[in-house]
C-alpha cells in the first residue's frame, strides 16, 4: 500500500516558498542530490495543491520547466482544487475533494509513494492522520518571509522520528517518519 510522503526543500528559517510564492530562491540548491535521485523512481503519484500546481517553477527557463522534479518524474498527478480549469491537461486529474484526491493518488501509486507538493495539502494530510513521512532538504539560506513548511494558527505539535540524515554539498536531507 502507498505511503504518503511530503518531500520539500526548505530554507533554514522554515520557508518553502519566498514572498509571493517565489520559488526561484531554490535554483542554487537544485544540484545533484543522490537521495532525491533514488527517491524519484519510488514515487507512484503526486498529490498537489492548486497554488503549487499553478505557481512559480524553480526550473523556469530551463529544460524541465513545468514538469515534476524538473522533468525527472512522470506519472499521475492529482490536483486538489475547487476551481478546476476548463481544459484538460494530460496526466493531471483535478479533484474538488481532498479525501477523494488522496484515495485516488494512493490507488494510482500502488506500493510506491504518494508525493505531496504544497504546504496546504501537507497540512490536510497531517490533519487527516494520513502523512507517513517527511523528507526535508535544508538549503543553507534564510528567506525571512514566504510560505512556511507547516503553519497552524495557535500551534500544533506533530511528532517526527528521524530515519536518516544525509549531508550533501548544496542541501542536507533529513528524513522523518510521522509518529502517531
Protein backbone atom coordinates (compact mmCIF):
# COMPACT_ATOMS: atom_id res chain seq x y z
CA UNK A 1 0.00 0.00 0.00
CA UNK A 2 1.20 3.50 -0.81
CA UNK A 3 2.85 5.68 1.79
CA UNK A 4 2.26 9.44 1.79
CA UNK A 5 5.49 11.48 1.73
CA UNK A 6 5.91 15.24 1.98
CA UNK A 7 9.23 15.96 0.26
CA UNK A 8 10.22 19.58 0.18
CA UNK A 9 13.16 21.97 0.04
CA UNK A 10 13.18 24.44 2.91
CA UNK A 11 15.26 27.43 3.97
CA UNK A 12 16.85 27.17 7.39
CA UNK A 13 14.33 29.72 8.68
CA UNK A 14 11.42 27.44 7.75
CA UNK A 15 10.15 28.71 4.38
CA UNK A 16 9.40 26.53 1.36
CA UNK A 17 8.46 29.43 -0.92
CA UNK A 18 9.60 33.01 -0.75
CA UNK A 19 7.40 36.11 -0.68
CA UNK A 20 4.60 35.96 -3.25
CA UNK A 21 5.20 32.25 -3.85
CA UNK A 22 8.70 32.80 -5.29
CA UNK A 23 10.47 29.51 -5.98
CA UNK A 24 13.49 30.97 -7.77
CA UNK A 25 15.37 31.12 -4.45
CA UNK A 26 15.74 27.35 -4.76
CA UNK A 27 17.73 27.33 -8.02
CA UNK A 28 21.24 27.32 -6.49
CA UNK A 29 20.31 24.30 -4.33
CA UNK A 30 18.83 22.01 -7.01
CA UNK A 31 22.14 20.43 -7.92
CA UNK A 32 22.99 16.77 -7.52
CA UNK A 33 21.23 15.11 -4.59
CA UNK A 34 21.66 11.32 -4.65
CA UNK A 35 18.88 10.73 -2.11
CA UNK A 36 16.36 12.60 -4.26
CA UNK A 37 17.61 10.81 -7.38
CA UNK A 38 16.99 7.48 -5.58
CA UNK A 39 13.56 8.64 -4.38
CA UNK A 40 12.14 9.75 -7.73
CA UNK A 41 11.60 6.23 -9.20
CA UNK A 42 9.88 5.22 -5.94
CA UNK A 43 7.15 7.84 -6.42
CA UNK A 44 3.94 6.47 -7.89
CA UNK A 45 1.80 9.61 -7.92
CA UNK A 46 1.72 13.25 -6.88
CA UNK A 47 -0.88 14.94 -4.68
CA UNK A 48 -0.63 18.66 -5.36
CA UNK A 49 -2.36 21.81 -4.18
CA UNK A 50 -3.72 24.16 -6.84
CA UNK A 51 -1.50 27.07 -5.79
CA UNK A 52 1.58 24.86 -6.10
CA UNK A 53 0.40 23.49 -9.43
CA UNK A 54 -0.18 26.96 -10.86
CA UNK A 55 2.70 28.65 -9.03
CA UNK A 56 6.27 29.61 -9.74
CA UNK A 57 8.61 26.92 -11.06
CA UNK A 58 12.20 26.74 -9.78
CA UNK A 59 13.10 25.35 -13.23
CA UNK A 60 11.66 28.38 -15.05
CA UNK A 61 13.53 28.97 -18.30
CA UNK A 62 15.31 25.62 -18.13
CA UNK A 63 14.72 22.20 -19.60
CA UNK A 64 12.10 20.50 -17.42
CA UNK A 65 10.12 23.66 -16.71
CA UNK A 66 6.56 22.80 -15.74
CA UNK A 67 7.43 19.15 -15.10
CA UNK A 68 7.66 17.34 -11.78
CA UNK A 69 11.18 17.18 -10.39
CA UNK A 70 12.38 19.25 -13.35
CA UNK A 71 11.34 16.53 -15.78
CA UNK A 72 12.87 13.72 -13.75
CA UNK A 73 9.49 12.14 -12.92
CA UNK A 74 6.45 11.21 -14.97
CA UNK A 75 3.18 9.77 -13.74
CA UNK A 76 -0.32 10.57 -12.49
CA UNK A 77 -0.84 13.92 -10.80
CA UNK A 78 -3.89 14.71 -8.66
CA UNK A 79 -4.51 18.42 -8.08
CA UNK A 80 -6.85 19.35 -5.24
CA UNK A 81 -8.91 22.38 -6.24
CA UNK A 82 -12.35 23.92 -6.06
CA UNK A 83 -11.55 25.72 -9.32
CA UNK A 84 -10.83 23.10 -11.99
CA UNK A 85 -9.73 24.57 -15.33
CA UNK A 86 -11.98 24.36 -18.37
CA UNK A 87 -9.45 22.38 -20.42
CA UNK A 88 -7.86 19.06 -19.56
CA UNK A 89 -4.12 18.57 -19.13
CA UNK A 90 -2.57 15.19 -19.94
CA UNK A 91 -1.73 13.15 -16.83
CA UNK A 92 -3.45 15.59 -14.47
CA UNK A 93 -6.69 14.88 -12.64
CA UNK A 94 -8.40 17.78 -10.90
CA UNK A 95 -10.36 16.74 -7.81
CA UNK A 96 -12.53 19.04 -5.69
CA UNK A 97 -12.39 16.91 -2.53
CA UNK A 98 -9.19 16.26 -0.55
CA UNK A 99 -10.20 12.79 0.71
CA UNK A 100 -11.17 11.64 -2.79
CA UNK A 101 -7.95 13.02 -4.29
CA UNK A 102 -5.84 11.27 -1.64
CA UNK A 103 -7.65 7.96 -2.21
CA UNK A 104 -7.14 8.26 -5.98
CA UNK A 105 -3.45 9.16 -5.54
CA UNK A 106 -2.90 6.18 -3.21
CA UNK A 107 -4.57 3.81 -5.63
CA UNK A 108 -2.53 5.14 -8.55
CA UNK A 109 0.73 4.90 -6.55
CA UNK A 110 0.26 1.22 -5.75
CA UNK A 111 3.13 0.21 -3.46
CA UNK A 112 5.11 3.38 -4.18
CA UNK A 113 4.97 6.81 -2.56
CA UNK A 114 2.31 9.45 -2.97
CA UNK A 115 4.49 12.55 -3.00
CA UNK A 116 2.80 15.64 -1.57
CA UNK A 117 3.52 19.05 -3.09
CA UNK A 118 2.20 22.13 -1.32
CA UNK A 119 2.10 23.24 2.31
CA UNK A 120 -1.70 23.32 2.49
CA UNK A 121 -2.05 19.79 1.12
CA UNK A 122 0.61 18.54 3.54
CA UNK A 123 -1.30 20.21 6.39
CA UNK A 124 -4.51 18.49 5.28
CA UNK A 125 -2.66 15.15 5.23
CA UNK A 126 -1.42 15.80 8.79
CA UNK A 127 -4.90 16.79 9.99
CA UNK A 128 -6.38 13.63 8.44
CA UNK A 129 -3.68 11.44 10.03
CA UNK A 130 -2.54 10.40 6.55
CA UNK A 131 1.04 11.72 6.37
CA UNK A 132 3.55 8.88 6.83
CA UNK A 133 6.92 10.52 6.16
CA UNK A 134 8.61 13.88 5.65
CA UNK A 135 11.80 14.46 3.64
CA UNK A 136 13.26 17.91 4.26
CA UNK A 137 16.04 19.18 2.05
CA UNK A 138 17.56 22.02 4.06
CA UNK A 139 19.03 24.74 1.88
CA UNK A 140 21.64 26.98 3.53
CA UNK A 141 19.74 30.23 3.05
CA UNK A 142 17.34 32.39 5.08
CA UNK A 143 14.38 33.97 3.27
CA UNK A 144 12.76 35.94 6.09
CA UNK A 145 9.24 35.64 4.65
CA UNK A 146 7.09 33.41 2.48
CA UNK A 147 5.22 30.14 2.87
CA UNK A 148 6.13 28.14 5.96
CA UNK A 149 6.72 24.40 5.89
CA UNK A 150 3.91 23.92 8.40
CA UNK A 151 1.72 26.70 9.71
CA UNK A 152 -1.04 26.04 12.21
CA UNK A 153 -2.51 29.12 13.93
CA UNK A 154 -2.43 28.52 17.67
CA UNK A 155 0.18 25.81 17.16
CA UNK A 156 0.07 22.06 16.87
CA UNK A 157 2.71 19.50 17.75
CA UNK A 158 3.46 16.89 15.11
CA UNK A 159 5.98 14.38 16.39
CA UNK A 160 8.60 13.10 13.98
CA UNK A 161 11.12 10.28 14.28
CA UNK A 162 14.35 10.80 12.36
CA UNK A 163 15.02 7.99 9.90
CA UNK A 164 18.14 9.43 8.26
CA UNK A 165 20.38 12.45 7.85
CA UNK A 166 22.28 12.86 4.58
CA UNK A 167 24.85 15.60 4.05
CA UNK A 168 25.10 17.00 0.52
CA UNK A 169 27.20 19.88 -0.79
CA UNK A 170 24.15 22.01 -1.71
CA UNK A 171 21.49 20.93 0.81
CA UNK A 172 21.28 18.44 3.68
CA UNK A 173 18.42 15.96 3.83
CA UNK A 174 16.51 14.92 6.94
CA UNK A 175 14.06 12.05 6.51
CA UNK A 176 11.43 11.52 9.19
CA UNK A 177 8.58 9.14 9.98
CA UNK A 178 5.48 10.86 11.32
CA UNK A 179 4.76 9.46 14.79
CA UNK A 180 1.22 8.67 15.78
